[in-house]
Amino acid sequence: MKLVKKILVLVVVLSCVLGNIISVDAADEQIGTVVDGSVLTDKSEVSGSTLSPARGTYLGYGSATLTDKGNKVVNVSGFTSCYQNCDQVKVTLHLQRLVSGTWTTVTTLDTKIAYNTHYVSNSRNVTVTGGYYYRITGTHVAVKGKVTESTSSSTDGMWVSK
């Protein structure tokens, strides 16, 4: 009977040890997968920009960046740049989390508007739930007189550990 107990203990111990050696983080299983245009990565910073620098007569360029600051805190940042001064330049940033294969907005930074300039930026640290992929989508707008030009940006997905 003692031999059977020793064998069972040995099997349990080996199972735990081997389980830890072979365990795969959820991020590892999905790295490289593309979800709604965003590649899932294990990078600590991801950036995305408008598709082309030449978006319109006034609107030049927009970008968004997501940075893992550690301890489940991420920095959400982005900017909009114009070819010349505009009446209004705007940037809106949406922090999204991947849940069951769908990007869901977690928080939206208030739209930042700058007047009579060619540039605006916005940034904020956000505490998130670990164990998920996150990305930023941005909306970039320039207003000059009666003309409004807009475009969007999106980052790749960034894994935030538990």
N, C-alpha and C. Protein backbone atom coordinates (compact mmCIF):
# COMPACT_ATOMS: atom_id res chain seq x y z
N MET A 1 0.82 -1.19 0.00
CA MET A 1 0.00 0.00 0.00
C MET A 1 0.87 1.26 0.00
N LYS A 2 1.99 1.21 0.79
CA LYS A 2 2.88 2.36 0.83
C LYS A 2 3.50 2.61 -0.53
N LEU A 3 3.80 1.56 -1.28
CA LEU A 3 4.38 1.69 -2.61
C LEU A 3 3.40 2.37 -3.56
N VAL A 4 2.13 2.03 -3.48
CA VAL A 4 1.10 2.63 -4.33
C VAL A 4 1.00 4.13 -4.02
N LYS A 5 1.02 4.49 -2.72
CA LYS A 5 0.94 5.91 -2.34
C LYS A 5 2.16 6.67 -2.87
N LYS A 6 3.34 6.07 -2.76
CA LYS A 6 4.55 6.72 -3.24
C LYS A 6 4.49 6.92 -4.76
N ILE A 7 3.99 5.91 -5.46
CA ILE A 7 3.86 6.03 -6.92
C ILE A 7 2.86 7.13 -7.28
N LEU A 8 1.74 7.20 -6.56
CA LEU A 8 0.74 8.24 -6.82
C LEU A 8 1.32 9.64 -6.56
N VAL A 9 2.05 9.77 -5.47
CA VAL A 9 2.68 11.06 -5.16
C VAL A 9 3.67 11.43 -6.26
N LEU A 10 4.47 10.46 -6.70
CA LEU A 10 5.43 10.70 -7.76
C LEU A 10 4.73 11.13 -9.05
N VAL A 11 3.63 10.47 -9.38
CA VAL A 11 2.88 10.82 -10.59
C VAL A 11 2.33 12.24 -10.49
N VAL A 12 1.80 12.61 -9.34
CA VAL A 12 1.25 13.96 -9.14
C VAL A 12 2.36 15.00 -9.26
N VAL A 13 3.49 14.74 -8.61
CA VAL A 13 4.61 15.68 -8.66
C VAL A 13 5.11 15.84 -10.10
N LEU A 14 5.30 14.73 -10.79
CA LEU A 14 5.77 14.80 -12.18
C LEU A 14 4.75 15.53 -13.07
N SER A 15 3.48 15.31 -12.84
CA SER A 15 2.45 15.99 -13.62
C SER A 15 2.54 17.50 -13.43
N CYS A 16 2.73 17.92 -12.18
CA CYS A 16 2.84 19.36 -11.90
C CYS A 16 4.08 19.95 -12.56
N VAL A 17 5.21 19.25 -12.42
CA VAL A 17 6.46 19.75 -13.00
C VAL A 17 6.35 19.82 -14.51
N LEU A 18 5.91 18.74 -15.13
CA LEU A 18 5.78 18.73 -16.59
C LEU A 18 4.73 19.71 -17.06
N GLY A 19 3.67 19.86 -16.32
CA GLY A 19 2.63 20.82 -16.69
C GLY A 19 3.17 22.23 -16.73
N ASN A 20 4.04 22.57 -15.78
CA ASN A 20 4.65 23.90 -15.77
C ASN A 20 5.64 24.08 -16.91
N ILE A 21 6.33 23.02 -17.26
CA ILE A 21 7.30 23.09 -18.35
C ILE A 21 6.59 23.26 -19.69
N ILE A 22 5.49 22.56 -19.90
CA ILE A 22 4.83 22.56 -21.20
C ILE A 22 3.70 23.59 -21.28
N SER A 23 3.37 24.26 -20.17
CA SER A 23 2.24 25.18 -20.23
C SER A 23 2.51 26.30 -21.21
N VAL A 24 1.48 26.72 -21.91
CA VAL A 24 1.59 27.74 -22.93
C VAL A 24 0.71 28.91 -22.53
N ASP A 25 1.30 30.09 -22.55
CA ASP A 25 0.55 31.31 -22.25
C ASP A 25 -0.45 31.54 -23.38
N ALA A 26 -1.63 32.05 -23.04
CA ALA A 26 -2.66 32.30 -24.05
C ALA A 26 -2.13 33.20 -25.16
N ALA A 27 -1.24 34.13 -24.81
CA ALA A 27 -0.68 35.03 -25.82
C ALA A 27 0.13 34.23 -26.84
N ASP A 28 0.90 33.24 -26.36
CA ASP A 28 1.74 32.46 -27.25
C ASP A 28 0.93 31.73 -28.32
N GLU A 29 -0.24 31.28 -27.95
CA GLU A 29 -1.07 30.51 -28.88
C GLU A 29 -1.61 31.37 -30.02
N GLN A 30 -1.74 32.67 -29.80
CA GLN A 30 -2.38 33.52 -30.80
C GLN A 30 -1.45 34.50 -31.50
N ILE A 31 -0.19 34.59 -31.08
CA ILE A 31 0.73 35.55 -31.67
C ILE A 31 0.78 35.34 -33.18
N GLY A 32 0.66 36.44 -33.92
CA GLY A 32 0.69 36.40 -35.38
C GLY A 32 -0.69 36.32 -36.01
N THR A 33 -1.71 35.99 -35.21
CA THR A 33 -3.08 35.94 -35.72
C THR A 33 -3.54 37.37 -36.02
N VAL A 34 -4.29 37.55 -37.11
CA VAL A 34 -4.83 38.86 -37.47
C VAL A 34 -6.31 38.89 -37.12
N VAL A 35 -6.71 39.89 -36.32
CA VAL A 35 -8.11 40.07 -35.94
C VAL A 35 -8.53 41.48 -36.33
N ASP A 36 -9.44 41.59 -37.27
CA ASP A 36 -9.94 42.89 -37.74
C ASP A 36 -8.80 43.84 -38.10
N GLY A 37 -7.82 43.31 -38.82
CA GLY A 37 -6.72 44.13 -39.31
C GLY A 37 -5.57 44.32 -38.34
N SER A 38 -5.68 43.84 -37.11
CA SER A 38 -4.61 43.99 -36.12
C SER A 38 -3.91 42.66 -35.88
N VAL A 39 -2.59 42.67 -36.03
CA VAL A 39 -1.79 41.47 -35.77
C VAL A 39 -1.57 41.37 -34.26
N LEU A 40 -1.84 40.21 -33.68
CA LEU A 40 -1.63 40.00 -32.25
C LEU A 40 -0.15 39.77 -31.98
N THR A 41 0.42 40.55 -31.04
CA THR A 41 1.86 40.50 -30.77
C THR A 41 2.14 40.35 -29.28
N ASP A 42 3.40 40.09 -28.97
CA ASP A 42 3.85 40.09 -27.58
C ASP A 42 4.78 41.28 -27.33
N LYS A 43 4.70 42.29 -28.19
CA LYS A 43 5.52 43.49 -28.04
C LYS A 43 5.01 44.32 -26.87
N SER A 44 5.89 45.16 -26.32
CA SER A 44 5.50 46.04 -25.21
C SER A 44 5.04 47.41 -25.71
N GLU A 45 5.15 47.64 -27.02
CA GLU A 45 4.63 48.88 -27.61
C GLU A 45 4.21 48.60 -29.04
N VAL A 46 3.03 49.10 -29.40
CA VAL A 46 2.54 48.96 -30.77
C VAL A 46 2.05 50.33 -31.24
N SER A 47 2.28 50.60 -32.53
CA SER A 47 1.85 51.87 -33.12
C SER A 47 1.13 51.60 -34.42
N GLY A 48 0.28 52.53 -34.78
CA GLY A 48 -0.41 52.45 -36.05
C GLY A 48 -0.66 53.85 -36.56
N SER A 49 -0.69 53.99 -37.87
CA SER A 49 -0.90 55.31 -38.43
C SER A 49 -1.92 55.24 -39.56
N THR A 50 -2.28 56.42 -40.04
CA THR A 50 -3.20 56.48 -41.16
C THR A 50 -2.56 55.79 -42.35
N LEU A 51 -3.36 55.31 -43.26
CA LEU A 51 -2.85 54.49 -44.36
C LEU A 51 -1.86 55.22 -45.25
N SER A 52 -2.05 56.51 -45.42
CA SER A 52 -1.17 57.27 -46.29
C SER A 52 -0.96 58.65 -45.69
N PRO A 53 0.24 59.20 -45.81
CA PRO A 53 0.44 60.55 -45.29
C PRO A 53 -0.41 61.59 -46.03
N ALA A 54 -0.73 61.37 -47.26
CA ALA A 54 -1.52 62.34 -48.04
C ALA A 54 -3.00 62.00 -47.95
N ARG A 55 -3.69 62.50 -46.92
CA ARG A 55 -5.09 62.17 -46.71
C ARG A 55 -6.03 63.18 -47.34
N GLY A 56 -5.59 64.40 -47.51
CA GLY A 56 -6.49 65.41 -48.05
C GLY A 56 -5.77 66.72 -48.27
N THR A 57 -6.54 67.76 -48.47
CA THR A 57 -5.97 69.08 -48.68
C THR A 57 -5.35 69.61 -47.40
N TYR A 58 -5.98 69.35 -46.26
CA TYR A 58 -5.52 69.88 -44.97
C TYR A 58 -4.98 68.78 -44.05
N LEU A 59 -5.72 67.69 -43.95
CA LEU A 59 -5.35 66.61 -43.04
C LEU A 59 -4.15 65.85 -43.59
N GLY A 60 -3.09 65.79 -42.80
CA GLY A 60 -1.88 65.15 -43.27
C GLY A 60 -1.67 63.75 -42.74
N TYR A 61 -1.78 63.57 -41.43
CA TYR A 61 -1.31 62.32 -40.85
C TYR A 61 -1.91 62.13 -39.47
N GLY A 62 -2.15 60.89 -39.10
CA GLY A 62 -2.62 60.57 -37.76
C GLY A 62 -1.94 59.31 -37.27
N SER A 63 -1.71 59.23 -35.97
CA SER A 63 -1.04 58.07 -35.41
C SER A 63 -1.56 57.77 -34.02
N ALA A 64 -1.46 56.49 -33.62
CA ALA A 64 -1.83 56.06 -32.27
C ALA A 64 -0.77 55.09 -31.77
N THR A 65 -0.49 55.13 -30.47
CA THR A 65 0.52 54.26 -29.87
C THR A 65 0.00 53.72 -28.54
N LEU A 66 0.24 52.44 -28.30
CA LEU A 66 -0.13 51.79 -27.05
C LEU A 66 1.15 51.23 -26.44
N THR A 67 1.45 51.61 -25.18
CA THR A 67 2.67 51.19 -24.51
C THR A 67 2.33 50.51 -23.19
N ASP A 68 2.91 49.33 -22.97
CA ASP A 68 2.73 48.62 -21.70
C ASP A 68 3.71 49.20 -20.69
N LYS A 69 3.19 49.84 -19.63
CA LYS A 69 4.01 50.47 -18.61
C LYS A 69 4.31 49.52 -17.45
N GLY A 70 3.72 48.31 -17.48
CA GLY A 70 3.91 47.35 -16.41
C GLY A 70 2.80 47.46 -15.37
N ASN A 71 2.64 46.41 -14.57
CA ASN A 71 1.63 46.37 -13.51
C ASN A 71 0.22 46.66 -14.03
N LYS A 72 -0.07 46.18 -15.23
CA LYS A 72 -1.40 46.32 -15.86
C LYS A 72 -1.77 47.77 -16.14
N VAL A 73 -0.77 48.61 -16.37
CA VAL A 73 -1.01 50.00 -16.78
C VAL A 73 -0.48 50.17 -18.19
N VAL A 74 -1.31 50.75 -19.07
CA VAL A 74 -0.90 51.03 -20.44
C VAL A 74 -1.01 52.53 -20.69
N ASN A 75 -0.17 53.02 -21.58
CA ASN A 75 -0.28 54.41 -22.00
C ASN A 75 -0.92 54.45 -23.38
N VAL A 76 -1.99 55.22 -23.49
CA VAL A 76 -2.72 55.42 -24.73
C VAL A 76 -2.32 56.80 -25.25
N SER A 77 -1.80 56.89 -26.47
CA SER A 77 -1.41 58.20 -27.00
C SER A 77 -1.64 58.24 -28.50
N GLY A 78 -1.78 59.46 -29.01
CA GLY A 78 -1.96 59.64 -30.44
C GLY A 78 -1.94 61.10 -30.82
N PHE A 79 -1.84 61.35 -32.12
CA PHE A 79 -1.82 62.73 -32.59
C PHE A 79 -2.43 62.83 -33.99
N THR A 80 -2.78 64.05 -34.35
CA THR A 80 -3.23 64.39 -35.70
C THR A 80 -2.38 65.57 -36.16
N SER A 81 -1.90 65.48 -37.40
CA SER A 81 -1.06 66.53 -37.97
C SER A 81 -1.65 66.98 -39.31
N CYS A 82 -1.59 68.28 -39.56
CA CYS A 82 -2.13 68.85 -40.81
C CYS A 82 -1.02 69.51 -41.61
N TYR A 83 -1.29 69.71 -42.91
CA TYR A 83 -0.32 70.36 -43.79
C TYR A 83 -0.19 71.84 -43.50
N GLN A 84 -1.24 72.43 -42.94
CA GLN A 84 -1.23 73.87 -42.63
C GLN A 84 -2.17 74.10 -41.44
N ASN A 85 -2.13 75.29 -40.90
CA ASN A 85 -3.02 75.61 -39.78
C ASN A 85 -4.47 75.44 -40.21
N CYS A 86 -5.26 74.86 -39.31
CA CYS A 86 -6.68 74.64 -39.56
C CYS A 86 -7.48 75.29 -38.43
N ASP A 87 -8.77 75.49 -38.67
CA ASP A 87 -9.63 76.04 -37.62
C ASP A 87 -9.68 75.11 -36.42
N GLN A 88 -9.79 73.80 -36.70
CA GLN A 88 -9.80 72.80 -35.64
C GLN A 88 -9.01 71.57 -36.10
N VAL A 89 -8.25 71.01 -35.17
CA VAL A 89 -7.57 69.73 -35.40
C VAL A 89 -7.96 68.84 -34.22
N LYS A 90 -8.43 67.61 -34.52
CA LYS A 90 -8.98 66.75 -33.47
C LYS A 90 -8.33 65.36 -33.49
N VAL A 91 -8.27 64.75 -32.31
CA VAL A 91 -7.88 63.35 -32.20
C VAL A 91 -8.74 62.70 -31.11
N THR A 92 -9.28 61.53 -31.44
CA THR A 92 -10.06 60.73 -30.49
C THR A 92 -9.44 59.34 -30.47
N LEU A 93 -9.17 58.82 -29.27
CA LEU A 93 -8.51 57.52 -29.13
C LEU A 93 -9.39 56.56 -28.35
N HIS A 94 -9.53 55.34 -28.89
CA HIS A 94 -10.35 54.28 -28.27
C HIS A 94 -9.43 53.13 -27.88
N LEU A 95 -9.42 52.78 -26.60
CA LEU A 95 -8.69 51.60 -26.12
C LEU A 95 -9.64 50.42 -26.23
N GLN A 96 -9.22 49.37 -26.96
CA GLN A 96 -10.06 48.20 -27.17
C GLN A 96 -9.38 46.94 -26.64
N ARG A 97 -10.21 46.00 -26.15
CA ARG A 97 -9.74 44.72 -25.65
C ARG A 97 -10.34 43.61 -26.51
N LEU A 98 -9.54 42.59 -26.80
CA LEU A 98 -10.02 41.46 -27.59
C LEU A 98 -10.70 40.46 -26.67
N VAL A 99 -12.02 40.25 -26.89
CA VAL A 99 -12.81 39.33 -26.10
C VAL A 99 -13.55 38.40 -27.06
N SER A 100 -13.29 37.12 -26.96
CA SER A 100 -13.95 36.11 -27.80
C SER A 100 -13.88 36.46 -29.28
N GLY A 101 -12.71 36.93 -29.73
CA GLY A 101 -12.49 37.21 -31.14
C GLY A 101 -13.03 38.55 -31.63
N THR A 102 -13.52 39.39 -30.72
CA THR A 102 -14.08 40.69 -31.11
C THR A 102 -13.42 41.81 -30.30
N TRP A 103 -13.03 42.88 -30.99
CA TRP A 103 -12.48 44.05 -30.30
C TRP A 103 -13.63 44.84 -29.68
N THR A 104 -13.54 45.06 -28.37
CA THR A 104 -14.57 45.78 -27.61
C THR A 104 -13.93 47.00 -26.97
N THR A 105 -14.57 48.16 -27.12
CA THR A 105 -14.02 49.38 -26.55
C THR A 105 -14.11 49.35 -25.03
N VAL A 106 -12.96 49.56 -24.38
CA VAL A 106 -12.86 49.59 -22.92
C VAL A 106 -13.04 51.01 -22.42
N THR A 107 -12.37 51.94 -23.08
CA THR A 107 -12.49 53.35 -22.72
C THR A 107 -12.14 54.21 -23.93
N THR A 108 -12.70 55.39 -23.96
CA THR A 108 -12.41 56.37 -25.00
C THR A 108 -11.89 57.64 -24.34
N LEU A 109 -10.72 58.08 -24.77
CA LEU A 109 -10.21 59.34 -24.25
C LEU A 109 -11.06 60.47 -24.84
N ASP A 110 -11.35 61.48 -24.04
CA ASP A 110 -12.11 62.63 -24.54
C ASP A 110 -11.43 63.17 -25.79
N THR A 111 -12.24 63.56 -26.77
CA THR A 111 -11.69 64.13 -28.00
C THR A 111 -10.89 65.37 -27.65
N LYS A 112 -9.66 65.39 -28.10
CA LYS A 112 -8.80 66.56 -27.88
C LYS A 112 -8.90 67.43 -29.12
N ILE A 113 -9.23 68.71 -28.93
CA ILE A 113 -9.39 69.66 -30.03
C ILE A 113 -8.42 70.82 -29.82
N ALA A 114 -7.68 71.14 -30.87
CA ALA A 114 -6.80 72.32 -30.86
C ALA A 114 -7.31 73.28 -31.93
N TYR A 115 -7.23 74.56 -31.66
CA TYR A 115 -7.78 75.58 -32.56
C TYR A 115 -6.65 76.39 -33.20
N ASN A 116 -6.87 76.71 -34.49
CA ASN A 116 -5.94 77.56 -35.25
C ASN A 116 -4.50 77.06 -35.15
N THR A 117 -4.33 75.80 -35.46
CA THR A 117 -3.02 75.15 -35.41
C THR A 117 -2.98 74.03 -36.44
N HIS A 118 -1.85 73.35 -36.51
CA HIS A 118 -1.71 72.23 -37.45
C HIS A 118 -1.52 70.88 -36.73
N TYR A 119 -1.60 70.87 -35.38
CA TYR A 119 -1.24 69.65 -34.65
C TYR A 119 -2.01 69.56 -33.33
N VAL A 120 -2.39 68.33 -32.97
CA VAL A 120 -2.97 68.08 -31.65
C VAL A 120 -2.56 66.68 -31.20
N SER A 121 -2.36 66.51 -29.90
CA SER A 121 -2.03 65.17 -29.37
C SER A 121 -2.80 64.95 -28.08
N ASN A 122 -2.90 63.67 -27.70
CA ASN A 122 -3.57 63.31 -26.47
C ASN A 122 -2.88 62.07 -25.91
N SER A 123 -2.86 61.93 -24.59
CA SER A 123 -2.21 60.79 -23.95
C SER A 123 -2.78 60.60 -22.54
N ARG A 124 -2.89 59.34 -22.14
CA ARG A 124 -3.33 59.04 -20.78
C ARG A 124 -2.94 57.62 -20.40
N ASN A 125 -2.56 57.43 -19.14
CA ASN A 125 -2.33 56.09 -18.61
C ASN A 125 -3.66 55.50 -18.18
N VAL A 126 -3.86 54.21 -18.47
CA VAL A 126 -5.10 53.52 -18.14
C VAL A 126 -4.74 52.18 -17.48
N THR A 127 -5.40 51.87 -16.38
CA THR A 127 -5.23 50.57 -15.73
C THR A 127 -6.18 49.59 -16.41
N VAL A 128 -5.66 48.42 -16.81
CA VAL A 128 -6.44 47.44 -17.55
C VAL A 128 -6.43 46.09 -16.83
N THR A 129 -7.24 45.19 -17.28
CA THR A 129 -7.27 43.82 -16.79
C THR A 129 -6.24 43.01 -17.56
N GLY A 130 -5.35 42.33 -16.86
CA GLY A 130 -4.34 41.52 -17.51
C GLY A 130 -4.93 40.25 -18.10
N GLY A 131 -4.17 39.64 -19.00
CA GLY A 131 -4.59 38.39 -19.63
C GLY A 131 -5.39 38.61 -20.90
N TYR A 132 -5.25 39.78 -21.51
CA TYR A 132 -5.97 40.10 -22.75
C TYR A 132 -5.05 40.84 -23.71
N TYR A 133 -5.45 40.84 -24.99
CA TYR A 133 -4.82 41.70 -25.99
C TYR A 133 -5.56 43.03 -26.00
N TYR A 134 -4.81 44.11 -26.22
CA TYR A 134 -5.39 45.46 -26.32
C TYR A 134 -4.87 46.13 -27.59
N ARG A 135 -5.64 47.06 -28.11
CA ARG A 135 -5.19 47.88 -29.23
C ARG A 135 -5.82 49.27 -29.11
N ILE A 136 -5.35 50.19 -29.93
CA ILE A 136 -5.90 51.54 -30.00
C ILE A 136 -6.43 51.76 -31.40
N THR A 137 -7.61 52.37 -31.49
CA THR A 137 -8.07 52.91 -32.77
C THR A 137 -8.20 54.41 -32.57
N GLY A 138 -7.84 55.15 -33.60
CA GLY A 138 -7.88 56.61 -33.51
C GLY A 138 -8.70 57.21 -34.64
N THR A 139 -9.33 58.33 -34.34
CA THR A 139 -10.03 59.11 -35.36
C THR A 139 -9.33 60.46 -35.43
N HIS A 140 -8.99 60.89 -36.63
CA HIS A 140 -8.20 62.10 -36.85
C HIS A 140 -8.98 63.02 -37.79
N VAL A 141 -9.16 64.28 -37.35
CA VAL A 141 -10.02 65.21 -38.09
C VAL A 141 -9.35 66.57 -38.22
N ALA A 142 -9.52 67.18 -39.41
CA ALA A 142 -9.10 68.55 -39.66
C ALA A 142 -10.30 69.32 -40.19
N VAL A 143 -10.53 70.54 -39.66
CA VAL A 143 -11.62 71.40 -40.11
C VAL A 143 -11.03 72.74 -40.53
N LYS A 144 -11.29 73.12 -41.78
CA LYS A 144 -10.83 74.41 -42.30
C LYS A 144 -12.00 75.02 -43.05
N GLY A 145 -12.56 76.09 -42.50
CA GLY A 145 -13.75 76.70 -43.12
C GLY A 145 -14.88 75.69 -43.11
N LYS A 146 -15.43 75.44 -44.29
CA LYS A 146 -16.55 74.49 -44.42
C LYS A 146 -16.07 73.08 -44.77
N VAL A 147 -14.75 72.90 -44.86
CA VAL A 147 -14.19 71.60 -45.24
C VAL A 147 -13.82 70.81 -43.98
N THR A 148 -14.31 69.57 -43.91
CA THR A 148 -13.93 68.65 -42.83
C THR A 148 -13.33 67.40 -43.46
N GLU A 149 -12.13 67.07 -43.06
CA GLU A 149 -11.45 65.86 -43.55
C GLU A 149 -11.17 64.96 -42.35
N SER A 150 -11.35 63.67 -42.54
CA SER A 150 -11.10 62.74 -41.44
C SER A 150 -10.52 61.42 -41.94
N THR A 151 -9.85 60.73 -41.05
CA THR A 151 -9.31 59.41 -41.34
C THR A 151 -9.16 58.67 -40.00
N SER A 152 -8.73 57.42 -40.07
CA SER A 152 -8.59 56.64 -38.84
C SER A 152 -7.25 55.92 -38.83
N SER A 153 -6.87 55.47 -37.65
CA SER A 153 -5.65 54.68 -37.46
C SER A 153 -5.97 53.54 -36.51
N SER A 154 -5.11 52.53 -36.52
CA SER A 154 -5.30 51.38 -35.65
C SER A 154 -3.94 50.74 -35.37
N THR A 155 -3.73 50.30 -34.13
CA THR A 155 -2.49 49.61 -33.80
C THR A 155 -2.69 48.10 -33.93
N ASP A 156 -1.60 47.38 -33.84
CA ASP A 156 -1.68 45.94 -33.70
C ASP A 156 -2.12 45.63 -32.27
N GLY A 157 -2.40 44.37 -31.99
CA GLY A 157 -2.79 43.96 -30.65
C GLY A 157 -1.58 43.70 -29.77
N MET A 158 -1.65 44.15 -28.53
CA MET A 158 -0.55 44.00 -27.57
C MET A 158 -1.04 43.19 -26.37
N TRP A 159 -0.33 42.12 -26.02
CA TRP A 159 -0.71 41.28 -24.88
C TRP A 159 -0.31 41.96 -23.58
N VAL A 160 -1.24 42.03 -22.63
CA VAL A 160 -0.95 42.52 -21.28
C VAL A 160 -1.06 41.32 -20.35
N SER A 161 0.03 41.00 -19.68
CA SER A 161 0.07 39.83 -18.80
C SER A 161 -0.81 39.99 -17.57
N LYS A 162 -1.19 38.84 -17.01
CA LYS A 162 -2.00 38.83 -15.78
C LYS A 162 -1.22 39.33 -14.60
